[in-house]
Amino acid sequence: MHRRWTIYAIVETGGKQFKVAPGQTIDVDLTGAAAGDKVELDKVLLLADGDKVTVGTPTVAGVKVLATSQGEKKGEKLIIYKFKSKVHYRKKTGHRQHYTRLTIDQIVQPGAES
């Protein structure tokens, strides 16, 4: 069986969970971090290092994920169209969600210095 990552973690940020590994880029809800800022994700729900898997209750103590912000990004546009028949009601609007793009630098395990 081919494994894609030797170490990965599942982190929670913005009410969503993400599977992250070093070198990976993810889009999370807007955090306000400027491009180049260091971001620390400390709500780690699961840590897998090879065959050793640690599940948190609810989080894994002492583990944090260090990332670098790449700045803001806009998501794809969603079209919202409201329509009611027989009363000539039509309303068309759009929405683009703002995200912060993060590049995962490293996963710091308990007892290790960053």
PDB file of N, CA and C in Angstrom:
ATOM      1  N   MET A   1       0.835  -1.169   0.000  1.00  0.00           N
ATOM      2  CA  MET A   1       0.000   0.000   0.000  1.00  0.00           C
ATOM      3  C   MET A   1       0.888   1.243   0.000  1.00  0.00           C
ATOM      4  N   HIS A   2       0.612   2.173  -0.920  1.00  0.00           N
ATOM      5  CA  HIS A   2       1.406   3.384  -1.037  1.00  0.00           C
ATOM      6  C   HIS A   2       0.836   4.456  -0.116  1.00  0.00           C
ATOM      7  N   ARG A   3       1.672   5.008   0.757  1.00  0.00           N
ATOM      8  CA  ARG A   3       1.235   6.071   1.648  1.00  0.00           C
ATOM      9  C   ARG A   3       1.669   7.401   1.074  1.00  0.00           C
ATOM     10  N   ARG A   4       0.757   8.335   1.115  1.00  0.00           N
ATOM     11  CA  ARG A   4       1.033   9.639   0.547  1.00  0.00           C
ATOM     12  C   ARG A   4       1.875  10.494   1.485  1.00  0.00           C
ATOM     13  N   TRP A   5       1.556  10.491   2.783  1.00  0.00           N
ATOM     14  CA  TRP A   5       2.294  11.278   3.761  1.00  0.00           C
ATOM     15  C   TRP A   5       2.767  10.367   4.888  1.00  0.00           C
ATOM     16  N   THR A   6       3.950  10.679   5.435  1.00  0.00           N
ATOM     17  CA  THR A   6       4.406   9.911   6.580  1.00  0.00           C
ATOM     18  C   THR A   6       3.879  10.511   7.871  1.00  0.00           C
ATOM     19  N   ILE A   7       3.689  11.842   7.886  1.00  0.00           N
ATOM     20  CA  ILE A   7       3.114  12.493   9.058  1.00  0.00           C
ATOM     21  C   ILE A   7       2.022  13.447   8.591  1.00  0.00           C
ATOM     22  N   TYR A   8       0.882  13.390   9.270  1.00  0.00           N
ATOM     23  CA  TYR A   8      -0.196  14.327   8.972  1.00  0.00           C
ATOM     24  C   TYR A   8      -1.016  14.550  10.231  1.00  0.00           C
ATOM     25  N   ALA A   9      -1.823  15.584  10.197  1.00  0.00           N
ATOM     26  CA  ALA A   9      -2.666  15.926  11.342  1.00  0.00           C
ATOM     27  C   ALA A   9      -4.018  16.391  10.834  1.00  0.00           C
ATOM     28  N   ILE A  10      -5.008  16.270  11.689  1.00  0.00           N
ATOM     29  CA  ILE A  10      -6.321  16.834  11.403  1.00  0.00           C
ATOM     30  C   ILE A  10      -6.507  17.985  12.382  1.00  0.00           C
ATOM     31  N   VAL A  11      -6.671  19.198  11.830  1.00  0.00           N
ATOM     32  CA  VAL A  11      -6.805  20.395  12.652  1.00  0.00           C
ATOM     33  C   VAL A  11      -8.179  21.016  12.444  1.00  0.00           C
ATOM     34  N   GLU A  12      -8.607  21.772  13.453  1.00  0.00           N
ATOM     35  CA  GLU A  12      -9.874  22.490  13.354  1.00  0.00           C
ATOM     36  C   GLU A  12      -9.589  23.984  13.367  1.00  0.00           C
ATOM     37  N   THR A  13     -10.142  24.684  12.394  1.00  0.00           N
ATOM     38  CA  THR A  13     -10.044  26.134  12.344  1.00  0.00           C
ATOM     39  C   THR A  13     -11.272  26.675  11.628  1.00  0.00           C
ATOM     40  N   GLY A  14     -11.864  27.700  12.198  1.00  0.00           N
ATOM     41  CA  GLY A  14     -13.046  28.292  11.589  1.00  0.00           C
ATOM     42  C   GLY A  14     -14.252  27.371  11.584  1.00  0.00           C
ATOM     43  N   GLY A  15     -14.309  26.419  12.533  1.00  0.00           N
ATOM     44  CA  GLY A  15     -15.438  25.497  12.590  1.00  0.00           C
ATOM     45  C   GLY A  15     -15.362  24.372  11.584  1.00  0.00           C
ATOM     46  N   LYS A  16     -14.258  24.260  10.855  1.00  0.00           N
ATOM     47  CA  LYS A  16     -14.082  23.198   9.859  1.00  0.00           C
ATOM     48  C   LYS A  16     -12.830  22.397  10.188  1.00  0.00           C
ATOM     49  N   GLN A  17     -12.782  21.163   9.707  1.00  0.00           N
ATOM     50  CA  GLN A  17     -11.631  20.305   9.956  1.00  0.00           C
ATOM     51  C   GLN A  17     -10.868  20.093   8.653  1.00  0.00           C
ATOM     52  N   PHE A  18      -9.531  20.098   8.743  1.00  0.00           N
ATOM     53  CA  PHE A  18      -8.670  19.942   7.588  1.00  0.00           C
ATOM     54  C   PHE A  18      -7.606  18.898   7.879  1.00  0.00           C
ATOM     55  N   LYS A  19      -7.331  18.041   6.904  1.00  0.00           N
ATOM     56  CA  LYS A  19      -6.219  17.100   6.990  1.00  0.00           C
ATOM     57  C   LYS A  19      -5.014  17.801   6.380  1.00  0.00           C
ATOM     58  N   VAL A  20      -3.954  17.991   7.172  1.00  0.00           N
ATOM     59  CA  VAL A  20      -2.801  18.766   6.717  1.00  0.00           C
ATOM     60  C   VAL A  20      -1.520  17.965   6.870  1.00  0.00           C
ATOM     61  N   ALA A  21      -0.572  18.263   5.988  1.00  0.00           N
ATOM     62  CA  ALA A  21       0.763  17.662   6.020  1.00  0.00           C
ATOM     63  C   ALA A  21       1.758  18.764   5.664  1.00  0.00           C
ATOM     64  N   PRO A  22       3.010  18.634   6.077  1.00  0.00           N
ATOM     65  CA  PRO A  22       4.013  19.657   5.745  1.00  0.00           C
ATOM     66  C   PRO A  22       4.133  19.859   4.242  1.00  0.00           C
ATOM     67  N   GLY A  23       4.175  21.133   3.834  1.00  0.00           N
ATOM     68  CA  GLY A  23       4.285  21.470   2.418  1.00  0.00           C
ATOM     69  C   GLY A  23       2.951  21.662   1.718  1.00  0.00           C
ATOM     70  N   GLN A  24       1.870  21.305   2.365  1.00  0.00           N
ATOM     71  CA  GLN A  24       0.542  21.407   1.766  1.00  0.00           C
ATOM     72  C   GLN A  24       0.004  22.834   1.894  1.00  0.00           C
ATOM     73  N   THR A  25      -0.861  23.239   0.951  1.00  0.00           N
ATOM     74  CA  THR A  25      -1.503  24.544   0.980  1.00  0.00           C
ATOM     75  C   THR A  25      -3.001  24.345   1.140  1.00  0.00           C
ATOM     76  N   ILE A  26      -3.605  25.088   2.096  1.00  0.00           N
ATOM     77  CA  ILE A  26      -5.042  24.984   2.332  1.00  0.00           C
ATOM     78  C   ILE A  26      -5.655  26.377   2.374  1.00  0.00           C
ATOM     79  N   ASP A  27      -6.960  26.454   2.089  1.00  0.00           N
ATOM     80  CA  ASP A  27      -7.709  27.694   2.191  1.00  0.00           C
ATOM     81  C   ASP A  27      -8.647  27.583   3.383  1.00  0.00           C
ATOM     82  N   VAL A  28      -8.472  28.480   4.364  1.00  0.00           N
ATOM     83  CA  VAL A  28      -9.310  28.477   5.564  1.00  0.00           C
ATOM     84  C   VAL A  28     -10.106  29.773   5.602  1.00  0.00           C
ATOM     85  N   ASP A  29     -11.122  29.835   6.465  1.00  0.00           N
ATOM     86  CA  ASP A  29     -11.891  31.063   6.620  1.00  0.00           C
ATOM     87  C   ASP A  29     -10.962  32.202   7.004  1.00  0.00           C
ATOM     88  N   LEU A  30     -11.365  33.404   6.662  1.00  0.00           N
ATOM     89  CA  LEU A  30     -10.550  34.592   6.847  1.00  0.00           C
ATOM     90  C   LEU A  30     -10.060  34.718   8.291  1.00  0.00           C
ATOM     91  N   THR A  31      -8.730  34.825   8.463  1.00  0.00           N
ATOM     92  CA  THR A  31      -8.147  34.924   9.793  1.00  0.00           C
ATOM     93  C   THR A  31      -7.598  36.309  10.083  1.00  0.00           C
ATOM     94  N   GLY A  32      -7.436  37.137   9.080  1.00  0.00           N
ATOM     95  CA  GLY A  32      -6.871  38.466   9.274  1.00  0.00           C
ATOM     96  C   GLY A  32      -5.358  38.479   9.234  1.00  0.00           C
ATOM     97  N   ALA A  33      -4.728  37.359   8.945  1.00  0.00           N
ATOM     98  CA  ALA A  33      -3.269  37.293   8.872  1.00  0.00           C
ATOM     99  C   ALA A  33      -2.806  37.839   7.518  1.00  0.00           C
ATOM    100  N   ALA A  34      -1.828  38.735   7.547  1.00  0.00           N
ATOM    101  CA  ALA A  34      -1.281  39.299   6.320  1.00  0.00           C
ATOM    102  C   ALA A  34      -0.340  38.285   5.662  1.00  0.00           C
ATOM    103  N   ALA A  35      -0.018  38.527   4.403  1.00  0.00           N
ATOM    104  CA  ALA A  35       0.882  37.634   3.673  1.00  0.00           C
ATOM    105  C   ALA A  35       2.246  37.612   4.361  1.00  0.00           C
ATOM    106  N   GLY A  36       2.761  36.420   4.603  1.00  0.00           N
ATOM    107  CA  GLY A  36       4.055  36.254   5.256  1.00  0.00           C
ATOM    108  C   GLY A  36       3.977  36.060   6.754  1.00  0.00           C
ATOM    109  N   ASP A  37       2.814  36.286   7.360  1.00  0.00           N
ATOM    110  CA  ASP A  37       2.658  36.098   8.801  1.00  0.00           C
ATOM    111  C   ASP A  37       2.696  34.616   9.162  1.00  0.00           C
ATOM    112  N   LYS A  38       3.231  34.333  10.344  1.00  0.00           N
ATOM    113  CA  LYS A  38       3.233  32.963  10.858  1.00  0.00           C
ATOM    114  C   LYS A  38       1.926  32.722  11.607  1.00  0.00           C
ATOM    115  N   VAL A  39       1.304  31.582  11.350  1.00  0.00           N
ATOM    116  CA  VAL A  39       0.043  31.218  11.983  1.00  0.00           C
ATOM    117  C   VAL A  39       0.246  29.901  12.715  1.00  0.00           C
ATOM    118  N   GLU A  40      -0.266  29.829  13.948  1.00  0.00           N
ATOM    119  CA  GLU A  40      -0.154  28.608  14.743  1.00  0.00           C
ATOM    120  C   GLU A  40      -1.542  28.011  14.927  1.00  0.00           C
ATOM    121  N   LEU A  41      -1.727  26.783  14.472  1.00  0.00           N
ATOM    122  CA  LEU A  41      -2.989  26.058  14.633  1.00  0.00           C
ATOM    123  C   LEU A  41      -2.789  25.060  15.767  1.00  0.00           C
ATOM    124  N   ASP A  42      -3.452  25.301  16.908  1.00  0.00           N
ATOM    125  CA  ASP A  42      -3.213  24.448  18.064  1.00  0.00           C
ATOM    126  C   ASP A  42      -4.368  23.510  18.384  1.00  0.00           C
ATOM    127  N   LYS A  43      -5.448  23.573  17.635  1.00  0.00           N
ATOM    128  CA  LYS A  43      -6.562  22.646  17.841  1.00  0.00           C
ATOM    129  C   LYS A  43      -6.344  21.425  16.941  1.00  0.00           C
ATOM    130  N   VAL A  44      -5.444  20.545  17.360  1.00  0.00           N
ATOM    131  CA  VAL A  44      -5.117  19.333  16.604  1.00  0.00           C
ATOM    132  C   VAL A  44      -5.969  18.192  17.152  1.00  0.00           C
ATOM    133  N   LEU A  45      -6.802  17.634  16.304  1.00  0.00           N
ATOM    134  CA  LEU A  45      -7.719  16.578  16.725  1.00  0.00           C
ATOM    135  C   LEU A  45      -7.126  15.185  16.583  1.00  0.00           C
ATOM    136  N   LEU A  46      -6.188  15.029  15.637  1.00  0.00           N
ATOM    137  CA  LEU A  46      -5.570  13.725  15.386  1.00  0.00           C
ATOM    138  C   LEU A  46      -4.171  13.949  14.851  1.00  0.00           C
ATOM    139  N   LEU A  47      -3.244  13.094  15.264  1.00  0.00           N
ATOM    140  CA  LEU A  47      -1.874  13.146  14.770  1.00  0.00           C
ATOM    141  C   LEU A  47      -1.476  11.743  14.349  1.00  0.00           C
ATOM    142  N   ALA A  48      -1.009  11.609  13.104  1.00  0.00           N
ATOM    143  CA  ALA A  48      -0.552  10.316  12.589  1.00  0.00           C
ATOM    144  C   ALA A  48       0.888  10.468  12.122  1.00  0.00           C
ATOM    145  N   ASP A  49       1.772   9.676  12.715  1.00  0.00           N
ATOM    146  CA  ASP A  49       3.186   9.675  12.356  1.00  0.00           C
ATOM    147  C   ASP A  49       3.557   8.248  12.010  1.00  0.00           C
ATOM    148  N   GLY A  50       3.534   7.944  10.727  1.00  0.00           N
ATOM    149  CA  GLY A  50       3.777   6.564  10.295  1.00  0.00           C
ATOM    150  C   GLY A  50       2.640   5.672  10.741  1.00  0.00           C
ATOM    151  N   ASP A  51       2.945   4.637  11.513  1.00  0.00           N
ATOM    152  CA  ASP A  51       1.917   3.721  12.011  1.00  0.00           C
ATOM    153  C   ASP A  51       1.370   4.153  13.376  1.00  0.00           C
ATOM    154  N   LYS A  52       1.958   5.180  13.981  1.00  0.00           N
ATOM    155  CA  LYS A  52       1.520   5.651  15.289  1.00  0.00           C
ATOM    156  C   LYS A  52       0.451   6.735  15.119  1.00  0.00           C
ATOM    157  N   VAL A  53      -0.753   6.451  15.579  1.00  0.00           N
ATOM    158  CA  VAL A  53      -1.872   7.386  15.462  1.00  0.00           C
ATOM    159  C   VAL A  53      -2.316   7.789  16.864  1.00  0.00           C
ATOM    160  N   THR A  54      -2.411   9.110  17.100  1.00  0.00           N
ATOM    161  CA  THR A  54      -2.868   9.635  18.372  1.00  0.00           C
ATOM    162  C   THR A  54      -4.150  10.414  18.142  1.00  0.00           C
ATOM    163  N   VAL A  55      -5.209  10.007  18.824  1.00  0.00           N
ATOM    164  CA  VAL A  55      -6.498  10.672  18.706  1.00  0.00           C
ATOM    165  C   VAL A  55      -6.713  11.497  19.968  1.00  0.00           C
ATOM    166  N   GLY A  56      -7.108  12.751  19.788  1.00  0.00           N
ATOM    167  CA  GLY A  56      -7.310  13.647  20.915  1.00  0.00           C
ATOM    168  C   GLY A  56      -8.649  13.470  21.585  1.00  0.00           C
ATOM    169  N   THR A  57      -8.736  13.945  22.825  1.00  0.00           N
ATOM    170  CA  THR A  57      -9.998  13.897  23.563  1.00  0.00           C
ATOM    171  C   THR A  57     -10.290  15.258  24.175  1.00  0.00           C
ATOM    172  N   PRO A  58     -10.725  16.272  23.534  1.00  0.00           N
ATOM    173  CA  PRO A  58     -10.991  16.394  22.101  1.00  0.00           C
ATOM    174  C   PRO A  58      -9.766  16.779  21.281  1.00  0.00           C
ATOM    175  N   THR A  59      -8.710  17.334  21.906  1.00  0.00           N
ATOM    176  CA  THR A  59      -7.509  17.686  21.149  1.00  0.00           C
ATOM    177  C   THR A  59      -6.309  16.923  21.688  1.00  0.00           C
ATOM    178  N   VAL A  60      -5.271  16.833  20.858  1.00  0.00           N
ATOM    179  CA  VAL A  60      -4.028  16.183  21.266  1.00  0.00           C
ATOM    180  C   VAL A  60      -3.181  17.232  21.977  1.00  0.00           C
ATOM    181  N   ALA A  61      -2.815  16.960  23.224  1.00  0.00           N
ATOM    182  CA  ALA A  61      -2.076  17.924  24.037  1.00  0.00           C
ATOM    183  C   ALA A  61      -0.646  18.094  23.535  1.00  0.00           C
ATOM    184  N   GLY A  62      -0.200  19.345  23.464  1.00  0.00           N
ATOM    185  CA  GLY A  62       1.188  19.637  23.116  1.00  0.00           C
ATOM    186  C   GLY A  62       1.508  19.643  21.643  1.00  0.00           C
ATOM    187  N   VAL A  63       0.576  19.329  20.789  1.00  0.00           N
ATOM    188  CA  VAL A  63       0.830  19.291  19.351  1.00  0.00           C
ATOM    189  C   VAL A  63       0.291  20.570  18.728  1.00  0.00           C
ATOM    190  N   LYS A  64       1.080  21.158  17.821  1.00  0.00           N
ATOM    191  CA  LYS A  64       0.606  22.330  17.091  1.00  0.00           C
ATOM    192  C   LYS A  64       1.128  22.273  15.664  1.00  0.00           C
ATOM    193  N   VAL A  65       0.413  22.937  14.791  1.00  0.00           N
ATOM    194  CA  VAL A  65       0.774  22.997  13.376  1.00  0.00           C
ATOM    195  C   VAL A  65       1.177  24.429  13.067  1.00  0.00           C
ATOM    196  N   LEU A  66       2.371  24.601  12.521  1.00  0.00           N
ATOM    197  CA  LEU A  66       2.870  25.925  12.171  1.00  0.00           C
ATOM    198  C   LEU A  66       2.703  26.144  10.674  1.00  0.00           C
ATOM    199  N   ALA A  67       2.139  27.300  10.312  1.00  0.00           N
ATOM    200  CA  ALA A  67       1.867  27.599   8.916  1.00  0.00           C
ATOM    201  C   ALA A  67       2.266  29.033   8.610  1.00  0.00           C
ATOM    202  N   THR A  68       2.412  29.332   7.321  1.00  0.00           N
ATOM    203  CA  THR A  68       2.705  30.675   6.856  1.00  0.00           C
ATOM    204  C   THR A  68       1.550  31.143   5.987  1.00  0.00           C
ATOM    205  N   SER A  69       1.062  32.361   6.247  1.00  0.00           N
ATOM    206  CA  SER A  69      -0.041  32.912   5.468  1.00  0.00           C
ATOM    207  C   SER A  69       0.459  33.374   4.108  1.00  0.00           C
ATOM    208  N   GLN A  70      -0.292  33.058   3.067  1.00  0.00           N
ATOM    209  CA  GLN A  70       0.019  33.508   1.712  1.00  0.00           C
ATOM    210  C   GLN A  70      -0.872  34.671   1.308  1.00  0.00           C
ATOM    211  N   GLY A  71      -1.681  35.178   2.240  1.00  0.00           N
ATOM    212  CA  GLY A  71      -2.551  36.314   1.959  1.00  0.00           C
ATOM    213  C   GLY A  71      -3.986  35.884   1.722  1.00  0.00           C
ATOM    214  N   GLU A  72      -4.805  36.847   1.310  1.00  0.00           N
ATOM    215  CA  GLU A  72      -6.216  36.592   1.065  1.00  0.00           C
ATOM    216  C   GLU A  72      -6.450  36.032  -0.328  1.00  0.00           C
ATOM    217  N   LYS A  73      -7.557  35.306  -0.467  1.00  0.00           N
ATOM    218  CA  LYS A  73      -7.961  34.738  -1.746  1.00  0.00           C
ATOM    219  C   LYS A  73      -9.477  34.745  -1.776  1.00  0.00           C
ATOM    220  N   LYS A  74     -10.041  34.958  -2.947  1.00  0.00           N
ATOM    221  CA  LYS A  74     -11.488  34.898  -3.089  1.00  0.00           C
ATOM    222  C   LYS A  74     -11.882  33.541  -3.649  1.00  0.00           C
ATOM    223  N   GLY A  75     -12.969  32.996  -3.116  1.00  0.00           N
ATOM    224  CA  GLY A  75     -13.496  31.746  -3.628  1.00  0.00           C
ATOM    225  C   GLY A  75     -14.257  31.979  -4.915  1.00  0.00           C
ATOM    226  N   GLU A  76     -14.808  30.917  -5.470  1.00  0.00           N
ATOM    227  CA  GLU A  76     -15.556  31.079  -6.707  1.00  0.00           C
ATOM    228  C   GLU A  76     -16.909  31.717  -6.423  1.00  0.00           C
ATOM    229  N   LYS A  77     -17.461  32.360  -7.436  1.00  0.00           N
ATOM    230  CA  LYS A  77     -18.694  33.113  -7.257  1.00  0.00           C
ATOM    231  C   LYS A  77     -19.902  32.177  -7.230  1.00  0.00           C
ATOM    232  N   LEU A  78     -20.777  32.418  -6.257  1.00  0.00           N
ATOM    233  CA  LEU A  78     -22.031  31.690  -6.164  1.00  0.00           C
ATOM    234  C   LEU A  78     -23.153  32.612  -6.605  1.00  0.00           C
ATOM    235  N   ILE A  79     -24.055  32.118  -7.420  1.00  0.00           N
ATOM    236  CA  ILE A  79     -25.208  32.884  -7.886  1.00  0.00           C
ATOM    237  C   ILE A  79     -26.416  32.465  -7.071  1.00  0.00           C
ATOM    238  N   ILE A  80     -27.083  33.441  -6.476  1.00  0.00           N
ATOM    239  CA  ILE A  80     -28.300  33.185  -5.710  1.00  0.00           C
ATOM    240  C   ILE A  80     -29.457  33.780  -6.502  1.00  0.00           C
ATOM    241  N   TYR A  81     -30.423  32.950  -6.861  1.00  0.00           N
ATOM    242  CA  TYR A  81     -31.560  33.414  -7.647  1.00  0.00           C
ATOM    243  C   TYR A  81     -32.838  33.053  -6.922  1.00  0.00           C
ATOM    244  N   LYS A  82     -33.612  34.075  -6.546  1.00  0.00           N
ATOM    245  CA  LYS A  82     -34.884  33.859  -5.861  1.00  0.00           C
ATOM    246  C   LYS A  82     -36.008  34.112  -6.860  1.00  0.00           C
ATOM    247  N   PHE A  83     -37.011  33.259  -6.835  1.00  0.00           N
ATOM    248  CA  PHE A  83     -38.103  33.355  -7.803  1.00  0.00           C
ATOM    249  C   PHE A  83     -39.404  32.909  -7.157  1.00  0.00           C
ATOM    250  N   LYS A  84     -40.434  33.688  -7.363  1.00  0.00           N
ATOM    251  CA  LYS A  84     -41.772  33.289  -6.937  1.00  0.00           C
ATOM    252  C   LYS A  84     -42.690  33.372  -8.150  1.00  0.00           C
ATOM    253  N   SER A  85     -43.372  32.290  -8.413  1.00  0.00           N
ATOM    254  CA  SER A  85     -44.237  32.260  -9.591  1.00  0.00           C
ATOM    255  C   SER A  85     -45.497  33.082  -9.376  1.00  0.00           C
ATOM    256  N   LYS A  86     -46.028  33.584 -10.430  1.00  0.00           N
ATOM    257  CA  LYS A  86     -47.311  34.292 -10.495  1.00  0.00           C
ATOM    258  C   LYS A  86     -47.314  35.685  -9.873  1.00  0.00           C
ATOM    259  N   VAL A  87     -46.241  36.113  -9.204  1.00  0.00           N
ATOM    260  CA  VAL A  87     -46.226  37.437  -8.601  1.00  0.00           C
ATOM    261  C   VAL A  87     -45.110  38.313  -9.173  1.00  0.00           C
ATOM    262  N   HIS A  88     -44.450  37.833 -10.203  1.00  0.00           N
ATOM    263  CA  HIS A  88     -43.391  38.564 -10.905  1.00  0.00           C
ATOM    264  C   HIS A  88     -42.263  38.997  -9.948  1.00  0.00           C
ATOM    265  N   TYR A  89     -41.843  38.061  -9.062  1.00  0.00           N
ATOM    266  CA  TYR A  89     -40.752  38.341  -8.131  1.00  0.00           C
ATOM    267  C   TYR A  89     -39.523  37.556  -8.563  1.00  0.00           C
ATOM    268  N   ARG A  90     -38.488  38.293  -8.912  1.00  0.00           N
ATOM    269  CA  ARG A  90     -37.224  37.683  -9.304  1.00  0.00           C
ATOM    270  C   ARG A  90     -36.101  38.516  -8.698  1.00  0.00           C
ATOM    271  N   LYS A  91     -35.145  37.845  -8.070  1.00  0.00           N
ATOM    272  CA  LYS A  91     -34.019  38.561  -7.472  1.00  0.00           C
ATOM    273  C   LYS A  91     -32.753  37.742  -7.693  1.00  0.00           C
ATOM    274  N   LYS A  92     -31.747  38.345  -8.302  1.00  0.00           N
ATOM    275  CA  LYS A  92     -30.498  37.657  -8.591  1.00  0.00           C
ATOM    276  C   LYS A  92     -29.359  38.388  -7.885  1.00  0.00           C
ATOM    277  N   THR A  93     -28.632  37.683  -7.033  1.00  0.00           N
ATOM    278  CA  THR A  93     -27.473  38.238  -6.347  1.00  0.00           C
ATOM    279  C   THR A  93     -26.327  37.240  -6.434  1.00  0.00           C
ATOM    280  N   GLY A  94     -25.138  37.699  -6.067  1.00  0.00           N
ATOM    281  CA  GLY A  94     -23.973  36.828  -6.076  1.00  0.00           C
ATOM    282  C   GLY A  94     -23.189  36.965  -4.788  1.00  0.00           C
ATOM    283  N   HIS A  95     -22.274  36.019  -4.558  1.00  0.00           N
ATOM    284  CA  HIS A  95     -21.458  36.032  -3.342  1.00  0.00           C
ATOM    285  C   HIS A  95     -20.116  35.384  -3.638  1.00  0.00           C
ATOM    286  N   ARG A  96     -19.046  36.003  -3.142  1.00  0.00           N
ATOM    287  CA  ARG A  96     -17.708  35.409  -3.205  1.00  0.00           C
ATOM    288  C   ARG A  96     -17.119  35.423  -1.810  1.00  0.00           C
ATOM    289  N   GLN A  97     -16.853  34.247  -1.278  1.00  0.00           N
ATOM    290  CA  GLN A  97     -16.301  34.111   0.065  1.00  0.00           C
ATOM    291  C   GLN A  97     -14.813  34.453   0.054  1.00  0.00           C
ATOM    292  N   HIS A  98     -14.346  35.128   1.099  1.00  0.00           N
ATOM    293  CA  HIS A  98     -12.925  35.439   1.249  1.00  0.00           C
ATOM    294  C   HIS A  98     -12.271  34.363   2.111  1.00  0.00           C
ATOM    295  N   TYR A  99     -11.086  33.924   1.690  1.00  0.00           N
ATOM    296  CA  TYR A  99     -10.331  32.903   2.400  1.00  0.00           C
ATOM    297  C   TYR A  99      -8.922  33.399   2.680  1.00  0.00           C
ATOM    298  N   THR A 100      -8.259  32.770   3.642  1.00  0.00           N
ATOM    299  CA  THR A 100      -6.837  32.975   3.879  1.00  0.00           C
ATOM    300  C   THR A 100      -6.128  31.706   3.438  1.00  0.00           C
ATOM    301  N   ARG A 101      -5.143  31.850   2.578  1.00  0.00           N
ATOM    302  CA  ARG A 101      -4.389  30.697   2.087  1.00  0.00           C
ATOM    303  C   ARG A 101      -3.199  30.460   3.003  1.00  0.00           C
ATOM    304  N   LEU A 102      -3.092  29.234   3.530  1.00  0.00           N
ATOM    305  CA  LEU A 102      -2.011  28.868   4.446  1.00  0.00           C
ATOM    306  C   LEU A 102      -1.157  27.772   3.835  1.00  0.00           C
ATOM    307  N   THR A 103       0.155  27.899   3.982  1.00  0.00           N
ATOM    308  CA  THR A 103       1.084  26.841   3.606  1.00  0.00           C
ATOM    309  C   THR A 103       1.606  26.230   4.899  1.00  0.00           C
ATOM    310  N   ILE A 104       1.437  24.922   5.041  1.00  0.00           N
ATOM    311  CA  ILE A 104       1.840  24.227   6.265  1.00  0.00           C
ATOM    312  C   ILE A 104       3.355  24.060   6.267  1.00  0.00           C
ATOM    313  N   ASP A 105       4.009  24.582   7.309  1.00  0.00           N
ATOM    314  CA  ASP A 105       5.464  24.484   7.424  1.00  0.00           C
ATOM    315  C   ASP A 105       5.887  23.207   8.138  1.00  0.00           C
ATOM    316  N   GLN A 106       5.341  22.995   9.333  1.00  0.00           N
ATOM    317  CA  GLN A 106       5.720  21.798  10.091  1.00  0.00           C
ATOM    318  C   GLN A 106       4.664  21.457  11.125  1.00  0.00           C
ATOM    319  N   ILE A 107       4.719  20.215  11.572  1.00  0.00           N
ATOM    320  CA  ILE A 107       3.865  19.738  12.644  1.00  0.00           C
ATOM    321  C   ILE A 107       4.779  19.486  13.843  1.00  0.00           C
ATOM    322  N   VAL A 108       4.559  20.258  14.906  1.00  0.00           N
ATOM    323  CA  VAL A 108       5.414  20.169  16.091  1.00  0.00           C
ATOM    324  C   VAL A 108       4.766  19.206  17.087  1.00  0.00           C
ATOM    325  N   GLN A 109       5.498  18.157  17.439  1.00  0.00           N
ATOM    326  CA  GLN A 109       5.003  17.148  18.361  1.00  0.00           C
ATOM    327  C   GLN A 109       5.374  17.531  19.793  1.00  0.00           C
ATOM    328  N   PRO A 110       4.730  16.900  20.776  1.00  0.00           N
ATOM    329  CA  PRO A 110       5.038  17.229  22.185  1.00  0.00           C
ATOM    330  C   PRO A 110       6.504  16.960  22.505  1.00  0.00           C
ATOM    331  N   GLY A 111       7.120  17.898  23.224  1.00  0.00           N
ATOM    332  CA  GLY A 111       8.509  17.749  23.616  1.00  0.00           C
ATOM    333  C   GLY A 111       9.504  18.228  22.582  1.00  0.00           C
ATOM    334  N   ALA A 112       9.063  18.521  21.354  1.00  0.00           N
ATOM    335  CA  ALA A 112       9.964  18.995  20.313  1.00  0.00           C
ATOM    336  C   ALA A 112       9.905  20.526  20.269  1.00  0.00           C
ATOM    337  N   GLU A 113      11.024  21.148  19.992  1.00  0.00           N
ATOM    338  CA  GLU A 113      11.078  22.597  19.874  1.00  0.00           C
ATOM    339  C   GLU A 113      10.849  22.986  18.426  1.00  0.00           C
ATOM    340  N   SER A 114      10.167  24.128  18.233  1.00  0.00           N
ATOM    341  CA  SER A 114       9.879  24.586  16.862  1.00  0.00           C
ATOM    342  C   SER A 114      11.035  25.359  16.268  1.00  0.00           C
TER     343      SER A 114
END
